[in-house]
Amino acid sequence: MDDALLTQVKKVAAERGTTLTAVIEDALREVLARREQNKHRPKVRFTTFGGGGLRPGVNLDDSAGLLDLMEEERWS
């Protein structure tokens, strides 16, 4: 485990008055519960002009990359 992360987890355990193991178990339960919730979400469909889908190279998770693409189009 990363030393900085371990230090933070130990601090949380001390603040809560619990064990390191209990904090890690709680964190894992939370991550797994969020994962389960995401399974039940409806898929989002983006409407695209012309119906051809996203332009090649577009990554909706990369906001800086999207901004770069928009700026390129603006000055083209």
PDB file of N, CA and C in Angstrom:
ATOM      1  N   MET A   1       0.851  -1.177   0.000  1.00  0.00           N
ATOM      2  CA  MET A   1       0.000   0.000   0.000  1.00  0.00           C
ATOM      3  C   MET A   1       0.896   1.239   0.000  1.00  0.00           C
ATOM      4  N   ASP A   2       0.481   2.241  -0.720  1.00  0.00           N
ATOM      5  CA  ASP A   2       1.201   3.502  -0.781  1.00  0.00           C
ATOM      6  C   ASP A   2       1.356   4.081   0.631  1.00  0.00           C
ATOM      7  N   ASP A   3       2.557   4.543   0.955  1.00  0.00           N
ATOM      8  CA  ASP A   3       2.842   5.048   2.311  1.00  0.00           C
ATOM      9  C   ASP A   3       1.960   6.230   2.694  1.00  0.00           C
ATOM     10  N   ALA A   4       1.747   7.149   1.758  1.00  0.00           N
ATOM     11  CA  ALA A   4       0.919   8.326   2.065  1.00  0.00           C
ATOM     12  C   ALA A   4      -0.520   7.913   2.334  1.00  0.00           C
ATOM     13  N   LEU A   5      -1.013   6.966   1.550  1.00  0.00           N
ATOM     14  CA  LEU A   5      -2.376   6.474   1.755  1.00  0.00           C
ATOM     15  C   LEU A   5      -2.495   5.758   3.095  1.00  0.00           C
ATOM     16  N   LEU A   6      -1.514   4.942   3.410  1.00  0.00           N
ATOM     17  CA  LEU A   6      -1.524   4.229   4.682  1.00  0.00           C
ATOM     18  C   LEU A   6      -1.521   5.206   5.859  1.00  0.00           C
ATOM     19  N   THR A   7      -0.759   6.260   5.743  1.00  0.00           N
ATOM     20  CA  THR A   7      -0.721   7.283   6.799  1.00  0.00           C
ATOM     21  C   THR A   7      -2.100   7.917   6.978  1.00  0.00           C
ATOM     22  N   GLN A   8      -2.762   8.237   5.866  1.00  0.00           N
ATOM     23  CA  GLN A   8      -4.106   8.827   5.942  1.00  0.00           C
ATOM     24  C   GLN A   8      -5.095   7.856   6.583  1.00  0.00           C
ATOM     25  N   VAL A   9      -5.014   6.588   6.205  1.00  0.00           N
ATOM     26  CA  VAL A   9      -5.947   5.596   6.747  1.00  0.00           C
ATOM     27  C   VAL A   9      -5.714   5.415   8.246  1.00  0.00           C
ATOM     28  N   LYS A  10      -4.474   5.409   8.657  1.00  0.00           N
ATOM     29  CA  LYS A  10      -4.165   5.294  10.092  1.00  0.00           C
ATOM     30  C   LYS A  10      -4.725   6.490  10.857  1.00  0.00           C
ATOM     31  N   LYS A  11      -4.626   7.673  10.256  1.00  0.00           N
ATOM     32  CA  LYS A  11      -5.162   8.880  10.897  1.00  0.00           C
ATOM     33  C   LYS A  11      -6.679   8.772  11.058  1.00  0.00           C
ATOM     34  N   VAL A  12      -7.361   8.298  10.006  1.00  0.00           N
ATOM     35  CA  VAL A  12      -8.823   8.124  10.069  1.00  0.00           C
ATOM     36  C   VAL A  12      -9.183   7.114  11.152  1.00  0.00           C
ATOM     37  N   ALA A  13      -8.443   6.019  11.225  1.00  0.00           N
ATOM     38  CA  ALA A  13      -8.705   5.000  12.246  1.00  0.00           C
ATOM     39  C   ALA A  13      -8.549   5.582  13.646  1.00  0.00           C
ATOM     40  N   ALA A  14      -7.510   6.365  13.843  1.00  0.00           N
ATOM     41  CA  ALA A  14      -7.291   6.975  15.161  1.00  0.00           C
ATOM     42  C   ALA A  14      -8.409   7.954  15.501  1.00  0.00           C
ATOM     43  N   GLU A  15      -8.829   8.761  14.518  1.00  0.00           N
ATOM     44  CA  GLU A  15      -9.907   9.731  14.747  1.00  0.00           C
ATOM     45  C   GLU A  15     -11.209   9.031  15.108  1.00  0.00           C
ATOM     46  N   ARG A  16     -11.460   7.894  14.468  1.00  0.00           N
ATOM     47  CA  ARG A  16     -12.697   7.140  14.725  1.00  0.00           C
ATOM     48  C   ARG A  16     -12.586   6.249  15.956  1.00  0.00           C
ATOM     49  N   GLY A  17     -11.372   6.043  16.431  1.00  0.00           N
ATOM     50  CA  GLY A  17     -11.174   5.133  17.562  1.00  0.00           C
ATOM     51  C   GLY A  17     -11.431   3.693  17.162  1.00  0.00           C
ATOM     52  N   THR A  18     -11.002   3.347  15.960  1.00  0.00           N
ATOM     53  CA  THR A  18     -11.227   1.996  15.451  1.00  0.00           C
ATOM     54  C   THR A  18      -9.919   1.462  14.870  1.00  0.00           C
ATOM     55  N   THR A  19      -9.978   0.284  14.305  1.00  0.00           N
ATOM     56  CA  THR A  19      -8.764  -0.331  13.770  1.00  0.00           C
ATOM     57  C   THR A  19      -8.548   0.037  12.308  1.00  0.00           C
ATOM     58  N   LEU A  20      -7.316  -0.127  11.890  1.00  0.00           N
ATOM     59  CA  LEU A  20      -6.954   0.079  10.486  1.00  0.00           C
ATOM     60  C   LEU A  20      -7.763  -0.866   9.596  1.00  0.00           C
ATOM     61  N   THR A  21      -7.888  -2.092  10.027  1.00  0.00           N
ATOM     62  CA  THR A  21      -8.655  -3.096   9.269  1.00  0.00           C
ATOM     63  C   THR A  21     -10.108  -2.666   9.103  1.00  0.00           C
ATOM     64  N   ALA A  22     -10.709  -2.139  10.154  1.00  0.00           N
ATOM     65  CA  ALA A  22     -12.113  -1.711  10.083  1.00  0.00           C
ATOM     66  C   ALA A  22     -12.296  -0.581   9.080  1.00  0.00           C
ATOM     67  N   VAL A  23     -11.356   0.366   9.041  1.00  0.00           N
ATOM     68  CA  VAL A  23     -11.453   1.476   8.093  1.00  0.00           C
ATOM     69  C   VAL A  23     -11.333   0.950   6.662  1.00  0.00           C
ATOM     70  N   ILE A  24     -10.395   0.052   6.434  1.00  0.00           N
ATOM     71  CA  ILE A  24     -10.213  -0.521   5.093  1.00  0.00           C
ATOM     72  C   ILE A  24     -11.443  -1.318   4.678  1.00  0.00           C
ATOM     73  N   GLU A  25     -11.996  -2.099   5.600  1.00  0.00           N
ATOM     74  CA  GLU A  25     -13.216  -2.870   5.292  1.00  0.00           C
ATOM     75  C   GLU A  25     -14.377  -1.951   4.939  1.00  0.00           C
ATOM     76  N   ASP A  26     -14.547  -0.860   5.705  1.00  0.00           N
ATOM     77  CA  ASP A  26     -15.614   0.104   5.417  1.00  0.00           C
ATOM     78  C   ASP A  26     -15.441   0.715   4.034  1.00  0.00           C
ATOM     79  N   ALA A  27     -14.206   1.065   3.696  1.00  0.00           N
ATOM     80  CA  ALA A  27     -13.928   1.662   2.387  1.00  0.00           C
ATOM     81  C   ALA A  27     -14.246   0.676   1.267  1.00  0.00           C
ATOM     82  N   LEU A  28     -13.871  -0.565   1.442  1.00  0.00           N
ATOM     83  CA  LEU A  28     -14.158  -1.587   0.428  1.00  0.00           C
ATOM     84  C   LEU A  28     -15.657  -1.811   0.278  1.00  0.00           C
ATOM     85  N   ARG A  29     -16.380  -1.835   1.395  1.00  0.00           N
ATOM     86  CA  ARG A  29     -17.837  -1.991   1.328  1.00  0.00           C
ATOM     87  C   ARG A  29     -18.470  -0.831   0.549  1.00  0.00           C
ATOM     88  N   GLU A  30     -17.985   0.370   0.800  1.00  0.00           N
ATOM     89  CA  GLU A  30     -18.521   1.552   0.120  1.00  0.00           C
ATOM     90  C   GLU A  30     -18.265   1.478  -1.388  1.00  0.00           C
ATOM     91  N   VAL A  31     -17.072   1.110  -1.769  1.00  0.00           N
ATOM     92  CA  VAL A  31     -16.739   0.997  -3.193  1.00  0.00           C
ATOM     93  C   VAL A  31     -17.606  -0.070  -3.855  1.00  0.00           C
ATOM     94  N   LEU A  32     -17.757  -1.206  -3.207  1.00  0.00           N
ATOM     95  CA  LEU A  32     -18.568  -2.290  -3.776  1.00  0.00           C
ATOM     96  C   LEU A  32     -20.040  -1.905  -3.861  1.00  0.00           C
ATOM     97  N   ALA A  33     -20.541  -1.171  -2.870  1.00  0.00           N
ATOM     98  CA  ALA A  33     -21.940  -0.731  -2.895  1.00  0.00           C
ATOM     99  C   ALA A  33     -22.163   0.249  -4.041  1.00  0.00           C
ATOM    100  N   ARG A  34     -21.222   1.176  -4.256  1.00  0.00           N
ATOM    101  CA  ARG A  34     -21.348   2.124  -5.379  1.00  0.00           C
ATOM    102  C   ARG A  34     -21.312   1.389  -6.714  1.00  0.00           C
ATOM    103  N   ARG A  35     -20.473   0.387  -6.791  1.00  0.00           N
ATOM    104  CA  ARG A  35     -20.376  -0.401  -8.031  1.00  0.00           C
ATOM    105  C   ARG A  35     -21.709  -1.089  -8.318  1.00  0.00           C
ATOM    106  N   GLU A  36     -22.319  -1.621  -7.284  1.00  0.00           N
ATOM    107  CA  GLU A  36     -23.606  -2.302  -7.441  1.00  0.00           C
ATOM    108  C   GLU A  36     -24.693  -1.314  -7.862  1.00  0.00           C
ATOM    109  N   GLN A  37     -24.678  -0.112  -7.285  1.00  0.00           N
ATOM    110  CA  GLN A  37     -25.662   0.912  -7.652  1.00  0.00           C
ATOM    111  C   GLN A  37     -25.513   1.302  -9.115  1.00  0.00           C
ATOM    112  N   ASN A  38     -24.281   1.400  -9.588  1.00  0.00           N
ATOM    113  CA  ASN A  38     -24.038   1.797 -10.971  1.00  0.00           C
ATOM    114  C   ASN A  38     -24.547   0.756 -11.967  1.00  0.00           C
ATOM    115  N   LYS A  39     -24.620  -0.502 -11.563  1.00  0.00           N
ATOM    116  CA  LYS A  39     -25.136  -1.552 -12.447  1.00  0.00           C
ATOM    117  C   LYS A  39     -26.597  -1.310 -12.797  1.00  0.00           C
ATOM    118  N   HIS A  40     -27.319  -0.678 -11.884  1.00  0.00           N
ATOM    119  CA  HIS A  40     -28.758  -0.500 -12.056  1.00  0.00           C
ATOM    120  C   HIS A  40     -29.122   0.824 -12.717  1.00  0.00           C
ATOM    121  N   ARG A  41     -28.142   1.634 -13.023  1.00  0.00           N
ATOM    122  CA  ARG A  41     -28.414   2.903 -13.699  1.00  0.00           C
ATOM    123  C   ARG A  41     -28.699   2.649 -15.167  1.00  0.00           C
ATOM    124  N   PRO A  42     -29.648   3.377 -15.707  1.00  0.00           N
ATOM    125  CA  PRO A  42     -29.881   3.238 -17.147  1.00  0.00           C
ATOM    126  C   PRO A  42     -28.701   3.821 -17.917  1.00  0.00           C
ATOM    127  N   LYS A  43     -28.387   3.208 -19.044  1.00  0.00           N
ATOM    128  CA  LYS A  43     -27.295   3.717 -19.872  1.00  0.00           C
ATOM    129  C   LYS A  43     -27.703   5.044 -20.483  1.00  0.00           C
ATOM    130  N   VAL A  44     -26.756   5.950 -20.538  1.00  0.00           N
ATOM    131  CA  VAL A  44     -27.001   7.261 -21.125  1.00  0.00           C
ATOM    132  C   VAL A  44     -26.660   7.178 -22.608  1.00  0.00           C
ATOM    133  N   ARG A  45     -27.576   7.656 -23.413  1.00  0.00           N
ATOM    134  CA  ARG A  45     -27.326   7.692 -24.851  1.00  0.00           C
ATOM    135  C   ARG A  45     -27.226   9.151 -25.272  1.00  0.00           C
ATOM    136  N   PHE A  46     -26.171   9.466 -25.967  1.00  0.00           N
ATOM    137  CA  PHE A  46     -25.967  10.820 -26.445  1.00  0.00           C
ATOM    138  C   PHE A  46     -26.503  10.928 -27.864  1.00  0.00           C
ATOM    139  N   THR A  47     -27.283  11.959 -28.086  1.00  0.00           N
ATOM    140  CA  THR A  47     -27.790  12.223 -29.421  1.00  0.00           C
ATOM    141  C   THR A  47     -26.705  12.951 -30.191  1.00  0.00           C
ATOM    142  N   THR A  48     -26.387  12.439 -31.352  1.00  0.00           N
ATOM    143  CA  THR A  48     -25.362  13.085 -32.166  1.00  0.00           C
ATOM    144  C   THR A  48     -25.984  13.545 -33.470  1.00  0.00           C
ATOM    145  N   PHE A  49     -25.478  14.639 -33.971  1.00  0.00           N
ATOM    146  CA  PHE A  49     -25.965  15.178 -35.227  1.00  0.00           C
ATOM    147  C   PHE A  49     -25.597  14.216 -36.343  1.00  0.00           C
ATOM    148  N   GLY A  50     -26.569  13.795 -37.093  1.00  0.00           N
ATOM    149  CA  GLY A  50     -26.329  12.885 -38.201  1.00  0.00           C
ATOM    150  C   GLY A  50     -26.354  11.420 -37.796  1.00  0.00           C
ATOM    151  N   GLY A  51     -26.384  11.156 -36.503  1.00  0.00           N
ATOM    152  CA  GLY A  51     -26.508   9.779 -36.027  1.00  0.00           C
ATOM    153  C   GLY A  51     -25.273   8.926 -36.200  1.00  0.00           C
ATOM    154  N   GLY A  52     -24.136   9.511 -36.508  1.00  0.00           N
ATOM    155  CA  GLY A  52     -22.929   8.720 -36.734  1.00  0.00           C
ATOM    156  C   GLY A  52     -22.129   8.420 -35.487  1.00  0.00           C
ATOM    157  N   GLY A  53     -22.598   8.847 -34.352  1.00  0.00           N
ATOM    158  CA  GLY A  53     -21.868   8.613 -33.110  1.00  0.00           C
ATOM    159  C   GLY A  53     -20.827   9.681 -32.879  1.00  0.00           C
ATOM    160  N   LEU A  54     -19.966   9.424 -31.923  1.00  0.00           N
ATOM    161  CA  LEU A  54     -18.927  10.392 -31.590  1.00  0.00           C
ATOM    162  C   LEU A  54     -17.860  10.438 -32.674  1.00  0.00           C
ATOM    163  N   ARG A  55     -17.279  11.593 -32.810  1.00  0.00           N
ATOM    164  CA  ARG A  55     -16.183  11.765 -33.746  1.00  0.00           C
ATOM    165  C   ARG A  55     -14.989  10.937 -33.280  1.00  0.00           C
ATOM    166  N   PRO A  56     -14.247  10.324 -34.183  1.00  0.00           N
ATOM    167  CA  PRO A  56     -13.079   9.544 -33.764  1.00  0.00           C
ATOM    168  C   PRO A  56     -12.121  10.401 -32.936  1.00  0.00           C
ATOM    169  N   GLY A  57     -11.616   9.821 -31.870  1.00  0.00           N
ATOM    170  CA  GLY A  57     -10.678  10.527 -31.001  1.00  0.00           C
ATOM    171  C   GLY A  57     -11.327  11.291 -29.870  1.00  0.00           C
ATOM    172  N   VAL A  58     -12.654  11.347 -29.847  1.00  0.00           N
ATOM    173  CA  VAL A  58     -13.348  12.064 -28.780  1.00  0.00           C
ATOM    174  C   VAL A  58     -13.497  11.142 -27.577  1.00  0.00           C
ATOM    175  N   ASN A  59     -13.042  11.630 -26.436  1.00  0.00           N
ATOM    176  CA  ASN A  59     -13.162  10.895 -25.183  1.00  0.00           C
ATOM    177  C   ASN A  59     -13.929  11.789 -24.216  1.00  0.00           C
ATOM    178  N   LEU A  60     -15.160  11.427 -23.905  1.00  0.00           N
ATOM    179  CA  LEU A  60     -16.003  12.263 -23.055  1.00  0.00           C
ATOM    180  C   LEU A  60     -15.504  12.351 -21.614  1.00  0.00           C
ATOM    181  N   ASP A  61     -14.590  11.471 -21.244  1.00  0.00           N
ATOM    182  CA  ASP A  61     -14.018  11.510 -19.895  1.00  0.00           C
ATOM    183  C   ASP A  61     -12.799  12.430 -19.805  1.00  0.00           C
ATOM    184  N   ASP A  62     -12.377  12.993 -20.933  1.00  0.00           N
ATOM    185  CA  ASP A  62     -11.186  13.846 -20.971  1.00  0.00           C
ATOM    186  C   ASP A  62     -11.610  15.274 -21.279  1.00  0.00           C
ATOM    187  N   SER A  63     -11.921  16.042 -20.231  1.00  0.00           N
ATOM    188  CA  SER A  63     -12.437  17.394 -20.442  1.00  0.00           C
ATOM    189  C   SER A  63     -11.399  18.306 -21.100  1.00  0.00           C
ATOM    190  N   ALA A  64     -10.124  18.130 -20.770  1.00  0.00           N
ATOM    191  CA  ALA A  64      -9.086  18.953 -21.393  1.00  0.00           C
ATOM    192  C   ALA A  64      -8.987  18.642 -22.881  1.00  0.00           C
ATOM    193  N   GLY A  65      -9.090  17.358 -23.223  1.00  0.00           N
ATOM    194  CA  GLY A  65      -9.057  16.961 -24.624  1.00  0.00           C
ATOM    195  C   GLY A  65     -10.254  17.491 -25.388  1.00  0.00           C
ATOM    196  N   LEU A  66     -11.428  17.485 -24.766  1.00  0.00           N
ATOM    197  CA  LEU A  66     -12.626  18.027 -25.408  1.00  0.00           C
ATOM    198  C   LEU A  66     -12.472  19.518 -25.656  1.00  0.00           C
ATOM    199  N   LEU A  67     -11.918  20.217 -24.679  1.00  0.00           N
ATOM    200  CA  LEU A  67     -11.701  21.649 -24.834  1.00  0.00           C
ATOM    201  C   LEU A  67     -10.732  21.920 -25.991  1.00  0.00           C
ATOM    202  N   ASP A  68      -9.671  21.117 -26.074  1.00  0.00           N
ATOM    203  CA  ASP A  68      -8.720  21.267 -27.175  1.00  0.00           C
ATOM    204  C   ASP A  68      -9.411  21.080 -28.522  1.00  0.00           C
ATOM    205  N   LEU A  69     -10.259  20.044 -28.635  1.00  0.00           N
ATOM    206  CA  LEU A  69     -10.978  19.799 -29.892  1.00  0.00           C
ATOM    207  C   LEU A  69     -11.902  20.958 -30.240  1.00  0.00           C
ATOM    208  N   MET A  70     -12.597  21.489 -29.240  1.00  0.00           N
ATOM    209  CA  MET A  70     -13.500  22.607 -29.496  1.00  0.00           C
ATOM    210  C   MET A  70     -12.733  23.855 -29.918  1.00  0.00           C
ATOM    211  N   GLU A  71     -11.578  24.075 -29.290  1.00  0.00           N
ATOM    212  CA  GLU A  71     -10.759  25.230 -29.650  1.00  0.00           C
ATOM    213  C   GLU A  71     -10.221  25.085 -31.070  1.00  0.00           C
ATOM    214  N   GLU A  72      -9.814  23.870 -31.451  1.00  0.00           N
ATOM    215  CA  GLU A  72      -9.324  23.627 -32.813  1.00  0.00           C
ATOM    216  C   GLU A  72     -10.409  23.983 -33.833  1.00  0.00           C
ATOM    217  N   GLU A  73     -11.640  23.533 -33.562  1.00  0.00           N
ATOM    218  CA  GLU A  73     -12.748  23.801 -34.483  1.00  0.00           C
ATOM    219  C   GLU A  73     -13.052  25.282 -34.541  1.00  0.00           C
ATOM    220  N   ARG A  74     -12.928  25.943 -33.410  1.00  0.00           N
ATOM    221  CA  ARG A  74     -13.253  27.366 -33.348  1.00  0.00           C
ATOM    222  C   ARG A  74     -12.313  28.190 -34.225  1.00  0.00           C
ATOM    223  N   TRP A  75     -11.053  27.804 -34.252  1.00  0.00           N
ATOM    224  CA  TRP A  75     -10.063  28.584 -34.994  1.00  0.00           C
ATOM    225  C   TRP A  75      -9.786  28.031 -36.388  1.00  0.00           C
ATOM    226  N   SER A  76     -10.493  26.980 -36.770  1.00  0.00           N
ATOM    227  CA  SER A  76     -10.296  26.406 -38.114  1.00  0.00           C
ATOM    228  C   SER A  76     -11.096  27.140 -39.157  1.00  0.00           C
TER     229      SER A  76
END
